[in-house]
Amino acid sequence: MASSICNRLIRKVWRSFIDDLSDIPEAEGIYTIGLRKTDENVVYLYVGYSKDMHRRVPEHKWQNLDIDEFIKKQIEKNGGKDLTVKWVEDRDGKCKEGKYIECMTEKLGYKPRFNKKGDNN
């Protein structure tokens, strides 16, 4: 199940983290935050899961996780113009966030920089 959700997430189009947050549904699902390097290259920074993505994703602009601090710095630096987001609704909720992180890591070939689950440091 996690694999099909991850595949759908990877195929989704990136949206502006600054301009498109109001489009995120009040729904359970998986989301990812990225940083646009070029028009064709976005680096996946973080994969998250929430019971309410509409509430959770914007919280990254003012909370204190490492990804949140990175987002704040990007907003200070250039208004956050290179920050991107995409999401997939998953109302089943049987997978835990760690499973999604593992799945995305496998499919991307790298672990998103700001996901700490499973790290030993």
PDB file of N, CA and C in Angstrom:
ATOM      1  N   MET A   1       0.807  -1.197   0.000  1.00  0.00           N
ATOM      2  CA  MET A   1       0.000   0.000   0.000  1.00  0.00           C
ATOM      3  C   MET A   1       0.853   1.267   0.000  1.00  0.00           C
ATOM      4  N   ALA A   2       1.877   1.310   0.853  1.00  0.00           N
ATOM      5  CA  ALA A   2       2.738   2.491   0.902  1.00  0.00           C
ATOM      6  C   ALA A   2       3.373   2.744  -0.463  1.00  0.00           C
ATOM      7  N   SER A   3       3.731   1.675  -1.158  1.00  0.00           N
ATOM      8  CA  SER A   3       4.396   1.818  -2.445  1.00  0.00           C
ATOM      9  C   SER A   3       3.510   2.529  -3.467  1.00  0.00           C
ATOM     10  N   SER A   4       2.231   2.182  -3.520  1.00  0.00           N
ATOM     11  CA  SER A   4       1.345   2.831  -4.492  1.00  0.00           C
ATOM     12  C   SER A   4       1.131   4.303  -4.139  1.00  0.00           C
ATOM     13  N   ILE A   5       1.045   4.615  -2.859  1.00  0.00           N
ATOM     14  CA  ILE A   5       0.909   6.014  -2.424  1.00  0.00           C
ATOM     15  C   ILE A   5       2.177   6.787  -2.801  1.00  0.00           C
ATOM     16  N   CYS A   6       3.349   6.198  -2.561  1.00  0.00           N
ATOM     17  CA  CYS A   6       4.616   6.856  -2.904  1.00  0.00           C
ATOM     18  C   CYS A   6       4.713   7.091  -4.404  1.00  0.00           C
ATOM     19  N   ASN A   7       4.326   6.118  -5.193  1.00  0.00           N
ATOM     20  CA  ASN A   7       4.347   6.290  -6.655  1.00  0.00           C
ATOM     21  C   ASN A   7       3.450   7.442  -7.081  1.00  0.00           C
ATOM     22  N   ARG A   8       2.251   7.511  -6.502  1.00  0.00           N
ATOM     23  CA  ARG A   8       1.341   8.614  -6.833  1.00  0.00           C
ATOM     24  C   ARG A   8       1.945   9.953  -6.430  1.00  0.00           C
ATOM     25  N   LEU A   9       2.579   9.995  -5.270  1.00  0.00           N
ATOM     26  CA  LEU A   9       3.180  11.235  -4.789  1.00  0.00           C
ATOM     27  C   LEU A   9       4.309  11.690  -5.712  1.00  0.00           C
ATOM     28  N   ILE A  10       5.151  10.767  -6.121  1.00  0.00           N
ATOM     29  CA  ILE A  10       6.272  11.117  -7.000  1.00  0.00           C
ATOM     30  C   ILE A  10       5.768  11.667  -8.332  1.00  0.00           C
ATOM     31  N   ARG A  11       4.677  11.121  -8.844  1.00  0.00           N
ATOM     32  CA  ARG A  11       4.143  11.569 -10.146  1.00  0.00           C
ATOM     33  C   ARG A  11       3.425  12.907 -10.073  1.00  0.00           C
ATOM     34  N   LYS A  12       3.023  13.322  -8.898  1.00  0.00           N
ATOM     35  CA  LYS A  12       2.293  14.587  -8.759  1.00  0.00           C
ATOM     36  C   LYS A  12       3.175  15.774  -9.158  1.00  0.00           C
ATOM     37  N   VAL A  13       2.524  16.843  -9.540  1.00  0.00           N
ATOM     38  CA  VAL A  13       3.213  18.081  -9.923  1.00  0.00           C
ATOM     39  C   VAL A  13       3.518  18.892  -8.666  1.00  0.00           C
ATOM     40  N   TRP A  14       4.728  19.432  -8.606  1.00  0.00           N
ATOM     41  CA  TRP A  14       5.108  20.293  -7.482  1.00  0.00           C
ATOM     42  C   TRP A  14       4.288  21.572  -7.530  1.00  0.00           C
ATOM     43  N   ARG A  15       3.914  22.063  -6.370  1.00  0.00           N
ATOM     44  CA  ARG A  15       3.197  23.325  -6.232  1.00  0.00           C
ATOM     45  C   ARG A  15       4.036  24.252  -5.358  1.00  0.00           C
ATOM     46  N   SER A  16       3.777  25.538  -5.453  1.00  0.00           N
ATOM     47  CA  SER A  16       4.489  26.515  -4.642  1.00  0.00           C
ATOM     48  C   SER A  16       4.118  26.352  -3.170  1.00  0.00           C
ATOM     49  N   PHE A  17       5.128  26.225  -2.324  1.00  0.00           N
ATOM     50  CA  PHE A  17       4.884  26.123  -0.881  1.00  0.00           C
ATOM     51  C   PHE A  17       4.296  27.427  -0.355  1.00  0.00           C
ATOM     52  N   ILE A  18       4.617  28.524  -0.973  1.00  0.00           N
ATOM     53  CA  ILE A  18       4.147  29.830  -0.515  1.00  0.00           C
ATOM     54  C   ILE A  18       2.749  30.143  -1.037  1.00  0.00           C
ATOM     55  N   ASP A  19       2.496  29.871  -2.319  1.00  0.00           N
ATOM     56  CA  ASP A  19       1.248  30.302  -2.959  1.00  0.00           C
ATOM     57  C   ASP A  19       0.123  29.275  -2.956  1.00  0.00           C
ATOM     58  N   ASP A  20       0.424  27.999  -2.809  1.00  0.00           N
ATOM     59  CA  ASP A  20      -0.590  26.969  -3.010  1.00  0.00           C
ATOM     60  C   ASP A  20      -1.018  26.230  -1.751  1.00  0.00           C
ATOM     61  N   LEU A  21      -0.674  26.707  -0.577  1.00  0.00           N
ATOM     62  CA  LEU A  21      -1.031  25.990   0.648  1.00  0.00           C
ATOM     63  C   LEU A  21      -2.539  25.941   0.876  1.00  0.00           C
ATOM     64  N   SER A  22      -3.266  26.946   0.413  1.00  0.00           N
ATOM     65  CA  SER A  22      -4.714  26.935   0.622  1.00  0.00           C
ATOM     66  C   SER A  22      -5.391  25.837  -0.186  1.00  0.00           C
ATOM     67  N   ASP A  23      -4.709  25.302  -1.194  1.00  0.00           N
ATOM     68  CA  ASP A  23      -5.264  24.225  -2.012  1.00  0.00           C
ATOM     69  C   ASP A  23      -5.158  22.854  -1.354  1.00  0.00           C
ATOM     70  N   ILE A  24      -4.372  22.744  -0.307  1.00  0.00           N
ATOM     71  CA  ILE A  24      -4.190  21.456   0.352  1.00  0.00           C
ATOM     72  C   ILE A  24      -5.493  21.089   1.078  1.00  0.00           C
ATOM     73  N   PRO A  25      -6.002  19.886   0.845  1.00  0.00           N
ATOM     74  CA  PRO A  25      -7.286  19.510   1.446  1.00  0.00           C
ATOM     75  C   PRO A  25      -7.197  19.242   2.946  1.00  0.00           C
ATOM     76  N   GLU A  26      -8.323  19.408   3.608  1.00  0.00           N
ATOM     77  CA  GLU A  26      -8.453  19.032   5.017  1.00  0.00           C
ATOM     78  C   GLU A  26      -8.667  17.532   5.039  1.00  0.00           C
ATOM     79  N   ALA A  27      -7.608  16.800   4.786  1.00  0.00           N
ATOM     80  CA  ALA A  27      -7.705  15.352   4.653  1.00  0.00           C
ATOM     81  C   ALA A  27      -6.434  14.700   5.164  1.00  0.00           C
ATOM     82  N   GLU A  28      -6.555  13.441   5.462  1.00  0.00           N
ATOM     83  CA  GLU A  28      -5.434  12.617   5.884  1.00  0.00           C
ATOM     84  C   GLU A  28      -4.591  12.286   4.657  1.00  0.00           C
ATOM     85  N   GLY A  29      -3.270  12.293   4.819  1.00  0.00           N
ATOM     86  CA  GLY A  29      -2.434  11.934   3.686  1.00  0.00           C
ATOM     87  C   GLY A  29      -0.959  12.126   3.918  1.00  0.00           C
ATOM     88  N   ILE A  30      -0.222  11.921   2.847  1.00  0.00           N
ATOM     89  CA  ILE A  30       1.226  12.073   2.844  1.00  0.00           C
ATOM     90  C   ILE A  30       1.568  13.303   2.003  1.00  0.00           C
ATOM     91  N   TYR A  31       2.563  14.049   2.449  1.00  0.00           N
ATOM     92  CA  TYR A  31       2.994  15.231   1.709  1.00  0.00           C
ATOM     93  C   TYR A  31       4.512  15.263   1.695  1.00  0.00           C
ATOM     94  N   THR A  32       5.044  16.004   0.758  1.00  0.00           N
ATOM     95  CA  THR A  32       6.491  16.175   0.712  1.00  0.00           C
ATOM     96  C   THR A  32       6.807  17.634   0.409  1.00  0.00           C
ATOM     97  N   ILE A  33       7.876  18.102   0.997  1.00  0.00           N
ATOM     98  CA  ILE A  33       8.361  19.461   0.785  1.00  0.00           C
ATOM     99  C   ILE A  33       9.673  19.350   0.029  1.00  0.00           C
ATOM    100  N   GLY A  34       9.825  20.178  -0.989  1.00  0.00           N
ATOM    101  CA  GLY A  34      11.032  20.134  -1.799  1.00  0.00           C
ATOM    102  C   GLY A  34      11.633  21.513  -2.008  1.00  0.00           C
ATOM    103  N   LEU A  35      12.822  21.517  -2.579  1.00  0.00           N
ATOM    104  CA  LEU A  35      13.517  22.755  -2.916  1.00  0.00           C
ATOM    105  C   LEU A  35      13.889  22.693  -4.385  1.00  0.00           C
ATOM    106  N   ARG A  36      13.359  23.641  -5.148  1.00  0.00           N
ATOM    107  CA  ARG A  36      13.623  23.698  -6.579  1.00  0.00           C
ATOM    108  C   ARG A  36      15.057  24.186  -6.823  1.00  0.00           C
ATOM    109  N   LYS A  37      15.839  23.358  -7.512  1.00  0.00           N
ATOM    110  CA  LYS A  37      17.213  23.713  -7.875  1.00  0.00           C
ATOM    111  C   LYS A  37      17.249  24.300  -9.287  1.00  0.00           C
ATOM    112  N   THR A  38      16.492  23.695 -10.205  1.00  0.00           N
ATOM    113  CA  THR A  38      16.320  24.191 -11.578  1.00  0.00           C
ATOM    114  C   THR A  38      14.874  23.919 -11.958  1.00  0.00           C
ATOM    115  N   ASP A  39      14.477  24.295 -13.159  1.00  0.00           N
ATOM    116  CA  ASP A  39      13.099  24.044 -13.588  1.00  0.00           C
ATOM    117  C   ASP A  39      12.757  22.560 -13.564  1.00  0.00           C
ATOM    118  N   GLU A  40      13.732  21.708 -13.843  1.00  0.00           N
ATOM    119  CA  GLU A  40      13.482  20.272 -13.900  1.00  0.00           C
ATOM    120  C   GLU A  40      13.941  19.521 -12.651  1.00  0.00           C
ATOM    121  N   ASN A  41      14.642  20.167 -11.750  1.00  0.00           N
ATOM    122  CA  ASN A  41      15.240  19.458 -10.624  1.00  0.00           C
ATOM    123  C   ASN A  41      14.747  20.017  -9.288  1.00  0.00           C
ATOM    124  N   VAL A  42      14.012  19.172  -8.579  1.00  0.00           N
ATOM    125  CA  VAL A  42      13.575  19.512  -7.225  1.00  0.00           C
ATOM    126  C   VAL A  42      14.123  18.448  -6.286  1.00  0.00           C
ATOM    127  N   VAL A  43      14.759  18.876  -5.224  1.00  0.00           N
ATOM    128  CA  VAL A  43      15.298  17.967  -4.214  1.00  0.00           C
ATOM    129  C   VAL A  43      14.222  17.764  -3.146  1.00  0.00           C
ATOM    130  N   TYR A  44      13.919  16.511  -2.860  1.00  0.00           N
ATOM    131  CA  TYR A  44      12.969  16.189  -1.798  1.00  0.00           C
ATOM    132  C   TYR A  44      13.661  16.423  -0.461  1.00  0.00           C
ATOM    133  N   LEU A  45      13.069  17.284   0.369  1.00  0.00           N
ATOM    134  CA  LEU A  45      13.656  17.628   1.662  1.00  0.00           C
ATOM    135  C   LEU A  45      13.005  16.899   2.825  1.00  0.00           C
ATOM    136  N   TYR A  46      11.701  16.642   2.710  1.00  0.00           N
ATOM    137  CA  TYR A  46      10.961  16.130   3.857  1.00  0.00           C
ATOM    138  C   TYR A  46       9.713  15.398   3.382  1.00  0.00           C
ATOM    139  N   VAL A  47       9.418  14.288   4.013  1.00  0.00           N
ATOM    140  CA  VAL A  47       8.185  13.550   3.776  1.00  0.00           C
ATOM    141  C   VAL A  47       7.434  13.490   5.100  1.00  0.00           C
ATOM    142  N   GLY A  48       6.174  13.870   5.074  1.00  0.00           N
ATOM    143  CA  GLY A  48       5.384  13.863   6.292  1.00  0.00           C
ATOM    144  C   GLY A  48       4.037  13.222   6.090  1.00  0.00           C
ATOM    145  N   TYR A  49       3.404  12.882   7.189  1.00  0.00           N
ATOM    146  CA  TYR A  49       2.072  12.300   7.178  1.00  0.00           C
ATOM    147  C   TYR A  49       1.233  13.056   8.195  1.00  0.00           C
ATOM    148  N   SER A  50      -0.010  13.324   7.843  1.00  0.00           N
ATOM    149  CA  SER A  50      -0.878  14.041   8.776  1.00  0.00           C
ATOM    150  C   SER A  50      -2.327  13.594   8.618  1.00  0.00           C
ATOM    151  N   LYS A  51      -3.041  13.647   9.709  1.00  0.00           N
ATOM    152  CA  LYS A  51      -4.490  13.396   9.674  1.00  0.00           C
ATOM    153  C   LYS A  51      -5.209  14.576   9.033  1.00  0.00           C
ATOM    154  N   ASP A  52      -4.573  15.766   9.040  1.00  0.00           N
ATOM    155  CA  ASP A  52      -5.142  16.964   8.426  1.00  0.00           C
ATOM    156  C   ASP A  52      -4.006  17.754   7.765  1.00  0.00           C
ATOM    157  N   MET A  53      -3.757  17.453   6.510  1.00  0.00           N
ATOM    158  CA  MET A  53      -2.650  18.111   5.796  1.00  0.00           C
ATOM    159  C   MET A  53      -2.855  19.619   5.683  1.00  0.00           C
ATOM    160  N   HIS A  54      -4.099  20.077   5.524  1.00  0.00           N
ATOM    161  CA  HIS A  54      -4.386  21.508   5.385  1.00  0.00           C
ATOM    162  C   HIS A  54      -3.913  22.283   6.615  1.00  0.00           C
ATOM    163  N   ARG A  55      -4.061  21.676   7.769  1.00  0.00           N
ATOM    164  CA  ARG A  55      -3.605  22.300   9.015  1.00  0.00           C
ATOM    165  C   ARG A  55      -2.098  22.122   9.180  1.00  0.00           C
ATOM    166  N   ARG A  56      -1.600  20.917   8.918  1.00  0.00           N
ATOM    167  CA  ARG A  56      -0.221  20.565   9.254  1.00  0.00           C
ATOM    168  C   ARG A  56       0.831  21.238   8.379  1.00  0.00           C
ATOM    169  N   VAL A  57       0.647  21.222   7.082  1.00  0.00           N
ATOM    170  CA  VAL A  57       1.716  21.722   6.191  1.00  0.00           C
ATOM    171  C   VAL A  57       2.076  23.182   6.493  1.00  0.00           C
ATOM    172  N   PRO A  58       1.120  24.097   6.630  1.00  0.00           N
ATOM    173  CA  PRO A  58       1.496  25.480   6.949  1.00  0.00           C
ATOM    174  C   PRO A  58       2.208  25.637   8.287  1.00  0.00           C
ATOM    175  N   GLU A  59       1.974  24.701   9.216  1.00  0.00           N
ATOM    176  CA  GLU A  59       2.646  24.785  10.510  1.00  0.00           C
ATOM    177  C   GLU A  59       4.160  24.751  10.369  1.00  0.00           C
ATOM    178  N   HIS A  60       4.656  24.208   9.284  1.00  0.00           N
ATOM    179  CA  HIS A  60       6.104  24.152   9.070  1.00  0.00           C
ATOM    180  C   HIS A  60       6.718  25.551   8.954  1.00  0.00           C
ATOM    181  N   LYS A  61       5.904  26.565   8.733  1.00  0.00           N
ATOM    182  CA  LYS A  61       6.433  27.934   8.623  1.00  0.00           C
ATOM    183  C   LYS A  61       6.741  28.552   9.974  1.00  0.00           C
ATOM    184  N   TRP A  62       6.237  27.981  11.069  1.00  0.00           N
ATOM    185  CA  TRP A  62       6.481  28.615  12.378  1.00  0.00           C
ATOM    186  C   TRP A  62       6.872  27.660  13.492  1.00  0.00           C
ATOM    187  N   GLN A  63       6.930  26.376  13.231  1.00  0.00           N
ATOM    188  CA  GLN A  63       7.358  25.477  14.295  1.00  0.00           C
ATOM    189  C   GLN A  63       8.884  25.345  14.294  1.00  0.00           C
ATOM    190  N   ASN A  64       9.421  24.395  15.058  1.00  0.00           N
ATOM    191  CA  ASN A  64      10.859  24.386  15.296  1.00  0.00           C
ATOM    192  C   ASN A  64      11.590  23.100  14.926  1.00  0.00           C
ATOM    193  N   LEU A  65      11.006  22.261  14.080  1.00  0.00           N
ATOM    194  CA  LEU A  65      11.759  21.125  13.554  1.00  0.00           C
ATOM    195  C   LEU A  65      12.858  21.650  12.630  1.00  0.00           C
ATOM    196  N   ASP A  66      13.825  20.830  12.307  1.00  0.00           N
ATOM    197  CA  ASP A  66      14.894  21.270  11.396  1.00  0.00           C
ATOM    198  C   ASP A  66      14.325  21.729  10.062  1.00  0.00           C
ATOM    199  N   ILE A  67      13.322  21.012   9.517  1.00  0.00           N
ATOM    200  CA  ILE A  67      12.714  21.432   8.248  1.00  0.00           C
ATOM    201  C   ILE A  67      12.051  22.793   8.397  1.00  0.00           C
ATOM    202  N   ASP A  68      11.447  23.048   9.547  1.00  0.00           N
ATOM    203  CA  ASP A  68      10.783  24.329   9.793  1.00  0.00           C
ATOM    204  C   ASP A  68      11.792  25.476   9.793  1.00  0.00           C
ATOM    205  N   GLU A  69      12.936  25.248  10.434  1.00  0.00           N
ATOM    206  CA  GLU A  69      13.983  26.272  10.463  1.00  0.00           C
ATOM    207  C   GLU A  69      14.519  26.534   9.048  1.00  0.00           C
ATOM    208  N   PHE A  70      14.663  25.466   8.264  1.00  0.00           N
ATOM    209  CA  PHE A  70      15.115  25.614   6.880  1.00  0.00           C
ATOM    210  C   PHE A  70      14.103  26.443   6.081  1.00  0.00           C
ATOM    211  N   ILE A  71      12.823  26.149   6.249  1.00  0.00           N
ATOM    212  CA  ILE A  71      11.771  26.892   5.546  1.00  0.00           C
ATOM    213  C   ILE A  71      11.816  28.364   5.932  1.00  0.00           C
ATOM    214  N   LYS A  72      11.961  28.654   7.211  1.00  0.00           N
ATOM    215  CA  LYS A  72      12.036  30.043   7.671  1.00  0.00           C
ATOM    216  C   LYS A  72      13.208  30.776   7.010  1.00  0.00           C
ATOM    217  N   LYS A  73      14.358  30.097   6.929  1.00  0.00           N
ATOM    218  CA  LYS A  73      15.535  30.718   6.299  1.00  0.00           C
ATOM    219  C   LYS A  73      15.302  30.975   4.814  1.00  0.00           C
ATOM    220  N   GLN A  74      14.631  30.049   4.140  1.00  0.00           N
ATOM    221  CA  GLN A  74      14.328  30.232   2.718  1.00  0.00           C
ATOM    222  C   GLN A  74      13.370  31.400   2.517  1.00  0.00           C
ATOM    223  N   ILE A  75      12.419  31.548   3.414  1.00  0.00           N
ATOM    224  CA  ILE A  75      11.473  32.661   3.319  1.00  0.00           C
ATOM    225  C   ILE A  75      12.199  33.985   3.550  1.00  0.00           C
ATOM    226  N   GLU A  76      13.104  34.008   4.522  1.00  0.00           N
ATOM    227  CA  GLU A  76      13.902  35.217   4.758  1.00  0.00           C
ATOM    228  C   GLU A  76      14.792  35.517   3.561  1.00  0.00           C
ATOM    229  N   LYS A  77      15.384  34.492   2.986  1.00  0.00           N
ATOM    230  CA  LYS A  77      16.347  34.642   1.898  1.00  0.00           C
ATOM    231  C   LYS A  77      15.711  35.182   0.613  1.00  0.00           C
ATOM    232  N   ASN A  78      14.597  34.561   0.195  1.00  0.00           N
ATOM    233  CA  ASN A  78      14.034  34.964  -1.098  1.00  0.00           C
ATOM    234  C   ASN A  78      12.516  34.828  -1.164  1.00  0.00           C
ATOM    235  N   GLY A  79      11.872  34.943  -0.013  1.00  0.00           N
ATOM    236  CA  GLY A  79      10.419  34.829   0.021  1.00  0.00           C
ATOM    237  C   GLY A  79       9.922  33.400  -0.134  1.00  0.00           C
ATOM    238  N   GLY A  80      10.844  32.443  -0.094  1.00  0.00           N
ATOM    239  CA  GLY A  80      10.468  31.037  -0.227  1.00  0.00           C
ATOM    240  C   GLY A  80      10.129  30.634  -1.645  1.00  0.00           C
ATOM    241  N   LYS A  81      10.598  31.401  -2.625  1.00  0.00           N
ATOM    242  CA  LYS A  81      10.201  31.158  -4.019  1.00  0.00           C
ATOM    243  C   LYS A  81      10.621  29.790  -4.545  1.00  0.00           C
ATOM    244  N   ASP A  82      11.623  29.162  -3.949  1.00  0.00           N
ATOM    245  CA  ASP A  82      12.085  27.854  -4.414  1.00  0.00           C
ATOM    246  C   ASP A  82      11.499  26.682  -3.626  1.00  0.00           C
ATOM    247  N   LEU A  83      10.708  26.968  -2.602  1.00  0.00           N
ATOM    248  CA  LEU A  83      10.085  25.908  -1.813  1.00  0.00           C
ATOM    249  C   LEU A  83       8.873  25.356  -2.561  1.00  0.00           C
ATOM    250  N   THR A  84       8.744  24.041  -2.561  1.00  0.00           N
ATOM    251  CA  THR A  84       7.651  23.384  -3.259  1.00  0.00           C
ATOM    252  C   THR A  84       6.994  22.358  -2.347  1.00  0.00           C
ATOM    253  N   VAL A  85       5.798  21.960  -2.709  1.00  0.00           N
ATOM    254  CA  VAL A  85       5.055  20.977  -1.930  1.00  0.00           C
ATOM    255  C   VAL A  85       4.160  20.178  -2.862  1.00  0.00           C
ATOM    256  N   LYS A  86       3.922  18.940  -2.509  1.00  0.00           N
ATOM    257  CA  LYS A  86       2.905  18.138  -3.173  1.00  0.00           C
ATOM    258  C   LYS A  86       2.384  17.136  -2.168  1.00  0.00           C
ATOM    259  N   TRP A  87       1.199  16.596  -2.448  1.00  0.00           N
ATOM    260  CA  TRP A  87       0.529  15.749  -1.482  1.00  0.00           C
ATOM    261  C   TRP A  87      -0.374  14.743  -2.178  1.00  0.00           C
ATOM    262  N   VAL A  88      -0.706  13.701  -1.405  1.00  0.00           N
ATOM    263  CA  VAL A  88      -1.642  12.677  -1.848  1.00  0.00           C
ATOM    264  C   VAL A  88      -2.535  12.342  -0.661  1.00  0.00           C
ATOM    265  N   GLU A  89      -3.825  12.371  -0.876  1.00  0.00           N
ATOM    266  CA  GLU A  89      -4.746  11.967   0.175  1.00  0.00           C
ATOM    267  C   GLU A  89      -4.657  10.462   0.381  1.00  0.00           C
ATOM    268  N   ASP A  90      -4.698  10.052   1.627  1.00  0.00           N
ATOM    269  CA  ASP A  90      -4.701   8.641   1.989  1.00  0.00           C
ATOM    270  C   ASP A  90      -5.584   8.493   3.213  1.00  0.00           C
ATOM    271  N   ARG A  91      -6.829   8.233   2.970  1.00  0.00           N
ATOM    272  CA  ARG A  91      -7.810   8.162   4.066  1.00  0.00           C
ATOM    273  C   ARG A  91      -7.734   6.853   4.840  1.00  0.00           C
ATOM    274  N   ASP A  92      -6.960   5.906   4.334  1.00  0.00           N
ATOM    275  CA  ASP A  92      -6.870   4.609   4.992  1.00  0.00           C
ATOM    276  C   ASP A  92      -6.053   4.711   6.280  1.00  0.00           C
ATOM    277  N   GLY A  93      -4.920   5.386   6.222  1.00  0.00           N
ATOM    278  CA  GLY A  93      -4.122   5.648   7.402  1.00  0.00           C
ATOM    279  C   GLY A  93      -3.500   4.431   8.061  1.00  0.00           C
ATOM    280  N   LYS A  94      -3.407   3.320   7.350  1.00  0.00           N
ATOM    281  CA  LYS A  94      -2.849   2.115   7.954  1.00  0.00           C
ATOM    282  C   LYS A  94      -1.328   2.163   8.037  1.00  0.00           C
ATOM    283  N   CYS A  95      -0.704   2.901   7.149  1.00  0.00           N
ATOM    284  CA  CYS A  95       0.758   3.002   7.169  1.00  0.00           C
ATOM    285  C   CYS A  95       1.183   4.081   8.159  1.00  0.00           C
ATOM    286  N   LYS A  96       2.284   3.860   8.795  1.00  0.00           N
ATOM    287  CA  LYS A  96       2.870   4.859   9.676  1.00  0.00           C
ATOM    288  C   LYS A  96       3.816   5.739   8.867  1.00  0.00           C
ATOM    289  N   GLU A  97       4.090   6.923   9.367  1.00  0.00           N
ATOM    290  CA  GLU A  97       4.949   7.866   8.665  1.00  0.00           C
ATOM    291  C   GLU A  97       6.296   7.243   8.299  1.00  0.00           C
ATOM    292  N   GLY A  98       6.861   6.452   9.186  1.00  0.00           N
ATOM    293  CA  GLY A  98       8.147   5.819   8.923  1.00  0.00           C
ATOM    294  C   GLY A  98       8.126   4.942   7.683  1.00  0.00           C
ATOM    295  N   LYS A  99       7.009   4.265   7.437  1.00  0.00           N
ATOM    296  CA  LYS A  99       6.873   3.429   6.234  1.00  0.00           C
ATOM    297  C   LYS A  99       6.905   4.278   4.976  1.00  0.00           C
ATOM    298  N   TYR A 100       6.249   5.436   5.013  1.00  0.00           N
ATOM    299  CA  TYR A 100       6.268   6.335   3.865  1.00  0.00           C
ATOM    300  C   TYR A 100       7.677   6.875   3.616  1.00  0.00           C
ATOM    301  N   ILE A 101       8.378   7.202   4.681  1.00  0.00           N
ATOM    302  CA  ILE A 101       9.746   7.707   4.550  1.00  0.00           C
ATOM    303  C   ILE A 101      10.632   6.627   3.934  1.00  0.00           C
ATOM    304  N   GLU A 102      10.515   5.402   4.422  1.00  0.00           N
ATOM    305  CA  GLU A 102      11.291   4.285   3.855  1.00  0.00           C
ATOM    306  C   GLU A 102      10.976   4.091   2.377  1.00  0.00           C
ATOM    307  N   CYS A 103       9.701   4.125   2.051  1.00  0.00           N
ATOM    308  CA  CYS A 103       9.262   3.923   0.674  1.00  0.00           C
ATOM    309  C   CYS A 103       9.807   5.022  -0.245  1.00  0.00           C
ATOM    310  N   MET A 104       9.680   6.271   0.174  1.00  0.00           N
ATOM    311  CA  MET A 104      10.175   7.384  -0.637  1.00  0.00           C
ATOM    312  C   MET A 104      11.691   7.316  -0.772  1.00  0.00           C
ATOM    313  N   THR A 105      12.385   6.955   0.296  1.00  0.00           N
ATOM    314  CA  THR A 105      13.842   6.820   0.247  1.00  0.00           C
ATOM    315  C   THR A 105      14.244   5.781  -0.787  1.00  0.00           C
ATOM    316  N   GLU A 106      13.561   4.667  -0.791  1.00  0.00           N
ATOM    317  CA  GLU A 106      13.849   3.602  -1.758  1.00  0.00           C
ATOM    318  C   GLU A 106      13.592   4.070  -3.187  1.00  0.00           C
ATOM    319  N   LYS A 107      12.478   4.737  -3.409  1.00  0.00           N
ATOM    320  CA  LYS A 107      12.115   5.164  -4.762  1.00  0.00           C
ATOM    321  C   LYS A 107      12.988   6.311  -5.268  1.00  0.00           C
ATOM    322  N   LEU A 108      13.388   7.205  -4.379  1.00  0.00           N
ATOM    323  CA  LEU A 108      14.216   8.351  -4.771  1.00  0.00           C
ATOM    324  C   LEU A 108      15.695   7.991  -4.892  1.00  0.00           C
ATOM    325  N   GLY A 109      16.121   7.007  -4.124  1.00  0.00           N
ATOM    326  CA  GLY A 109      17.539   6.670  -4.085  1.00  0.00           C
ATOM    327  C   GLY A 109      18.306   7.481  -3.051  1.00  0.00           C
ATOM    328  N   TYR A 110      17.607   8.279  -2.263  1.00  0.00           N
ATOM    329  CA  TYR A 110      18.224   9.030  -1.163  1.00  0.00           C
ATOM    330  C   TYR A 110      17.148   9.338  -0.129  1.00  0.00           C
ATOM    331  N   LYS A 111      17.585   9.512   1.118  1.00  0.00           N
ATOM    332  CA  LYS A 111      16.656   9.873   2.182  1.00  0.00           C
ATOM    333  C   LYS A 111      16.487  11.385   2.201  1.00  0.00           C
ATOM    334  N   PRO A 112      15.240  11.867   2.219  1.00  0.00           N
ATOM    335  CA  PRO A 112      15.049  13.310   2.323  1.00  0.00           C
ATOM    336  C   PRO A 112      15.806  13.868   3.531  1.00  0.00           C
ATOM    337  N   ARG A 113      16.511  14.927   3.296  1.00  0.00           N
ATOM    338  CA  ARG A 113      17.475  15.514   4.243  1.00  0.00           C
ATOM    339  C   ARG A 113      16.922  15.753   5.651  1.00  0.00           C
ATOM    340  N   PHE A 114      15.677  16.163   5.758  1.00  0.00           N
ATOM    341  CA  PHE A 114      15.146  16.562   7.060  1.00  0.00           C
ATOM    342  C   PHE A 114      14.289  15.497   7.738  1.00  0.00           C
ATOM    343  N   ASN A 115      14.227  14.307   7.193  1.00  0.00           N
ATOM    344  CA  ASN A 115      13.546  13.213   7.880  1.00  0.00           C
ATOM    345  C   ASN A 115      14.532  12.546   8.808  1.00  0.00           C
ATOM    346  N   LYS A 116      14.206  12.502  10.080  1.00  0.00           N
ATOM    347  CA  LYS A 116      15.121  11.975  11.092  1.00  0.00           C
ATOM    348  C   LYS A 116      14.756  10.583  11.566  1.00  0.00           C
ATOM    349  N   LYS A 117      13.549  10.116  11.298  1.00  0.00           N
ATOM    350  CA  LYS A 117      13.142   8.775  11.763  1.00  0.00           C
ATOM    351  C   LYS A 117      14.101   7.751  11.226  1.00  0.00           C
ATOM    352  N   GLY A 118      14.560   6.888  12.114  1.00  0.00           N
ATOM    353  CA  GLY A 118      15.486   5.832  11.711  1.00  0.00           C
ATOM    354  C   GLY A 118      16.945   6.236  11.799  1.00  0.00           C
ATOM    355  N   ASP A 119      17.213   7.537  12.011  1.00  0.00           N
ATOM    356  CA  ASP A 119      18.603   7.964  12.187  1.00  0.00           C
ATOM    357  C   ASP A 119      19.082   7.590  13.568  1.00  0.00           C
ATOM    358  N   ASN A 120      20.332   7.263  13.683  1.00  0.00           N
ATOM    359  CA  ASN A 120      20.907   6.891  14.973  1.00  0.00           C
ATOM    360  C   ASN A 120      21.716   8.010  15.608  1.00  0.00           C
ATOM    361  N   ASN A 121      21.643   9.203  15.044  1.00  0.00           N
ATOM    362  CA  ASN A 121      22.433  10.290  15.607  1.00  0.00           C
ATOM    363  C   ASN A 121      21.584  11.311  16.292  1.00  0.00           C
TER     364      ASN A 121
END
